[in-house]
Amino acid sequence: MKCTASGATPILGAAGDAARFSGKGSDTQIKTSAARHTILLVEDELPHLKLLTEIFEKAGYDIITAIDGVDATEIYSRRHDDIDLVVCDVALPKLGGWTVYLSLKEINPDVKVILTSGYLDEKVRTVFVSGGVKDFIVKPYLAETILNSVREALGRN
């Protein structure tokens, strides 16, 4: 597990400032052979949710969305056989991302989860790492960063 951050121009910021992923070469940068993996995307900030959905769909992934931790847990409990990976914000209403992760592990001990946050405390990161999350990505991050993390978590380097 690693902690990923980038000094490049962000596409998703910590304060909800989503920027459109556009420009020449964008499609070639994010297209990949996703082999129709399904990602449960958990994000309460709608601009981030829409942008990440677009990025993942352009890369060939099927997306299921949830806007809070309770919704994510309910969806996963019903559809965990269909979901290959969960990408989840840490700061969520109703049920935080870490608690969501622990709940999903009760349903499926082999669940693959990437957590994201605009805040990183080394003690918290240590808990995430030792707890088994596949990656922890600090906002702001680039589309390339999240896609690389998804590919790695799915075993598709």
Protein backbone atom coordinates (compact mmCIF):
# COMPACT_ATOMS: atom_id res chain seq x y z
CA MET A 1 0.00 0.00 0.00
CA LYS A 2 1.25 3.46 -0.73
CA CYS A 3 0.24 7.03 -0.18
CA THR A 4 -0.04 8.88 -3.46
CA ALA A 5 0.16 12.62 -4.01
CA SER A 6 1.15 14.66 -7.01
CA GLY A 7 2.66 18.07 -7.48
CA ALA A 8 1.14 18.37 -10.95
CA THR A 9 -1.96 20.36 -11.82
CA PRO A 10 -4.86 18.74 -9.94
CA ILE A 11 -8.05 17.56 -11.53
CA LEU A 12 -9.72 17.06 -8.16
CA GLY A 13 -9.05 19.40 -5.30
CA ALA A 14 -9.55 19.03 -1.60
CA ALA A 15 -12.19 21.76 -1.40
CA GLY A 16 -14.53 20.42 -4.07
CA ASP A 17 -13.08 22.38 -6.97
CA ALA A 18 -13.45 19.94 -9.86
CA ALA A 19 -11.80 20.84 -13.13
CA ARG A 20 -12.81 19.25 -16.42
CA PHE A 21 -10.39 16.65 -17.75
CA SER A 22 -9.87 17.92 -21.28
CA GLY A 23 -7.27 18.80 -23.83
CA LYS A 24 -5.47 17.03 -26.64
CA GLY A 25 -4.24 13.62 -25.71
CA SER A 26 -6.63 13.23 -22.79
CA ASP A 27 -8.39 10.20 -24.21
CA THR A 28 -5.14 8.42 -24.95
CA GLN A 29 -3.93 9.15 -21.42
CA ILE A 30 -6.91 7.61 -19.67
CA LYS A 31 -8.10 4.87 -22.01
CA THR A 32 -7.23 1.40 -20.80
CA SER A 33 -8.42 -2.14 -21.16
CA ALA A 34 -10.60 -2.26 -18.05
CA ALA A 35 -12.12 -5.63 -19.02
CA ARG A 36 -15.45 -4.36 -17.68
CA HIS A 37 -14.51 -4.26 -14.04
CA THR A 38 -17.12 -2.64 -11.80
CA ILE A 39 -16.21 0.09 -9.33
CA LEU A 40 -18.39 1.28 -6.47
CA LEU A 41 -17.59 4.99 -6.28
CA VAL A 42 -18.45 6.63 -2.95
CA GLU A 43 -18.24 10.42 -2.95
CA ASP A 44 -20.55 13.00 -1.38
CA GLU A 45 -19.33 15.99 -3.39
CA LEU A 46 -21.35 15.86 -6.61
CA PRO A 47 -18.78 17.60 -8.85
CA HIS A 48 -16.18 15.00 -7.79
CA LEU A 49 -18.66 12.17 -8.22
CA LYS A 50 -19.59 13.27 -11.74
CA LEU A 51 -15.99 13.87 -12.80
CA LEU A 52 -14.68 10.58 -11.43
CA THR A 53 -17.60 8.73 -13.00
CA GLU A 54 -16.67 10.25 -16.36
CA ILE A 55 -12.98 9.41 -15.95
CA PHE A 56 -13.67 5.81 -14.96
CA GLU A 57 -16.26 5.28 -17.71
CA LYS A 58 -13.87 6.69 -20.36
CA ALA A 59 -11.30 4.21 -19.07
CA GLY A 60 -13.80 1.38 -19.62
CA TYR A 61 -15.02 0.70 -16.10
CA ASP A 62 -18.63 0.16 -15.07
CA ILE A 63 -19.58 2.49 -12.23
CA ILE A 64 -22.04 2.22 -9.37
CA THR A 65 -22.29 5.37 -7.26
CA ALA A 66 -23.13 6.12 -3.65
CA ILE A 67 -23.25 9.52 -1.97
CA ASP A 68 -22.80 8.50 1.65
CA GLY A 69 -21.43 5.67 3.75
CA VAL A 70 -24.76 4.08 4.59
CA ASP A 71 -25.76 4.00 0.91
CA ALA A 72 -22.38 2.47 0.00
CA THR A 73 -22.70 -0.27 2.60
CA GLU A 74 -26.25 -1.12 1.52
CA ILE A 75 -25.27 -1.26 -2.16
CA TYR A 76 -22.23 -3.40 -1.43
CA SER A 77 -24.23 -5.82 0.72
CA ARG A 78 -26.64 -6.39 -2.19
CA ARG A 79 -24.14 -6.36 -5.06
CA HIS A 80 -20.73 -7.35 -3.67
CA ASP A 81 -20.45 -10.22 -6.18
CA ASP A 82 -20.64 -7.64 -8.99
CA ILE A 83 -18.22 -5.10 -7.49
CA ASP A 84 -14.49 -5.51 -8.13
CA LEU A 85 -13.26 -2.40 -6.32
CA VAL A 86 -14.52 0.36 -4.05
CA VAL A 87 -13.15 3.91 -4.32
CA CYS A 88 -14.30 5.78 -1.23
CA ASP A 89 -13.80 9.25 0.21
CA VAL A 90 -12.89 9.25 3.89
CA ALA A 91 -15.06 12.22 4.93
CA LEU A 92 -18.62 11.11 4.19
CA PRO A 93 -21.98 11.91 5.73
CA LYS A 94 -23.75 9.30 7.88
CA LEU A 95 -20.84 6.84 7.94
CA GLY A 96 -17.19 7.75 7.33
CA GLY A 97 -14.98 6.01 4.78
CA TRP A 98 -12.94 4.02 7.32
CA THR A 99 -16.12 2.69 8.95
CA VAL A 100 -17.47 1.86 5.50
CA TYR A 101 -14.30 -0.11 4.79
CA LEU A 102 -14.62 -2.07 8.03
CA SER A 103 -18.30 -2.81 7.25
CA LEU A 104 -17.44 -4.00 3.74
CA LYS A 105 -14.73 -6.30 5.15
CA GLU A 106 -17.41 -7.97 7.28
CA ILE A 107 -19.39 -8.69 4.11
CA ASN A 108 -16.34 -9.72 2.09
CA PRO A 109 -12.94 -10.07 3.83
CA ASP A 110 -11.24 -9.79 0.41
CA VAL A 111 -12.86 -6.46 -0.54
CA LYS A 112 -10.55 -4.13 -2.46
CA VAL A 113 -10.82 -0.50 -1.33
CA ILE A 114 -9.01 2.70 -2.24
CA LEU A 115 -9.58 5.56 0.21
CA THR A 116 -9.23 9.23 -0.73
CA SER A 117 -9.07 12.38 1.36
CA GLY A 118 -7.99 15.98 1.27
CA TYR A 119 -6.36 15.51 4.66
CA LEU A 120 -3.54 13.20 5.67
CA ASP A 121 -2.42 12.53 9.20
CA GLU A 122 0.40 9.98 9.42
CA LYS A 123 -1.29 8.16 12.33
CA VAL A 124 -4.48 7.80 10.30
CA ARG A 125 -2.53 6.67 7.25
CA THR A 126 -0.82 4.01 9.37
CA VAL A 127 -4.21 2.68 10.46
CA PHE A 128 -5.37 2.53 6.83
CA VAL A 129 -2.22 0.75 5.69
CA SER A 130 -2.24 -1.82 8.48
CA GLY A 131 -5.98 -2.29 7.99
CA GLY A 132 -5.53 -3.49 4.43
CA VAL A 133 -6.75 -0.71 2.14
CA LYS A 134 -5.21 -1.04 -1.33
CA ASP A 135 -4.20 2.61 -1.57
CA PHE A 136 -4.74 5.96 0.09
CA ILE A 137 -4.76 8.90 -2.30
CA VAL A 138 -4.45 12.45 -1.06
CA LYS A 139 -6.46 15.13 -2.85
CA PRO A 140 -5.73 16.93 -5.06
CA TYR A 141 -4.80 14.24 -7.54
CA LEU A 142 -4.68 13.68 -11.29
CA ALA A 143 -6.86 11.35 -13.35
CA GLU A 144 -3.71 9.38 -14.14
CA THR A 145 -2.99 8.94 -10.43
CA ILE A 146 -6.39 7.48 -9.57
CA LEU A 147 -6.45 5.31 -12.69
CA ASN A 148 -3.00 3.89 -11.92
CA SER A 149 -4.13 3.12 -8.40
CA VAL A 150 -7.28 1.40 -9.70
CA ARG A 151 -5.28 -0.70 -12.17
CA GLU A 152 -2.82 -1.70 -9.44
CA ALA A 153 -5.60 -2.59 -6.99
CA LEU A 154 -7.23 -4.75 -9.65
CA GLY A 155 -3.91 -6.40 -10.45
CA ARG A 156 -3.64 -4.76 -13.87
CA ASN A 157 -0.31 -2.91 -13.86
